[in-house]
Amino acid sequence: MIPLLDRFRLIVDELSSKLCQYELDEIKDYVEAHEWGVAFEFLCTQLGEADVKCSPEHIERLREIGLELKVKPRYWEDLRDPSPP
């Protein structure tokens, strides 16, 4: 299994086109400070504020990471795309 931090970095990289450089820098700063839960919450919050709807695959991966970090589900659940596939 891929370590948590590596999975988090990978999903941030995959979603980076949806974020501005300031947001990416903030996430990086939180990660470097070992504030992974805060970095995760910030990522989800910024995606939500930008009205980004994530794919089911991304939602599942965010859910897995969020559960490991013991983050409230509302952070990733709000990013679900409500439109049918």
Foldseek 3Di string as FASTA:
>chain_A
DDDLVVLVVVLCVVCVVLDDPVLVVVLVVCVVVVVNLVSLLSVLVSCVVSVAADDPVSLVSSVVSCVVVVHDNVSSVSNHDPDDD
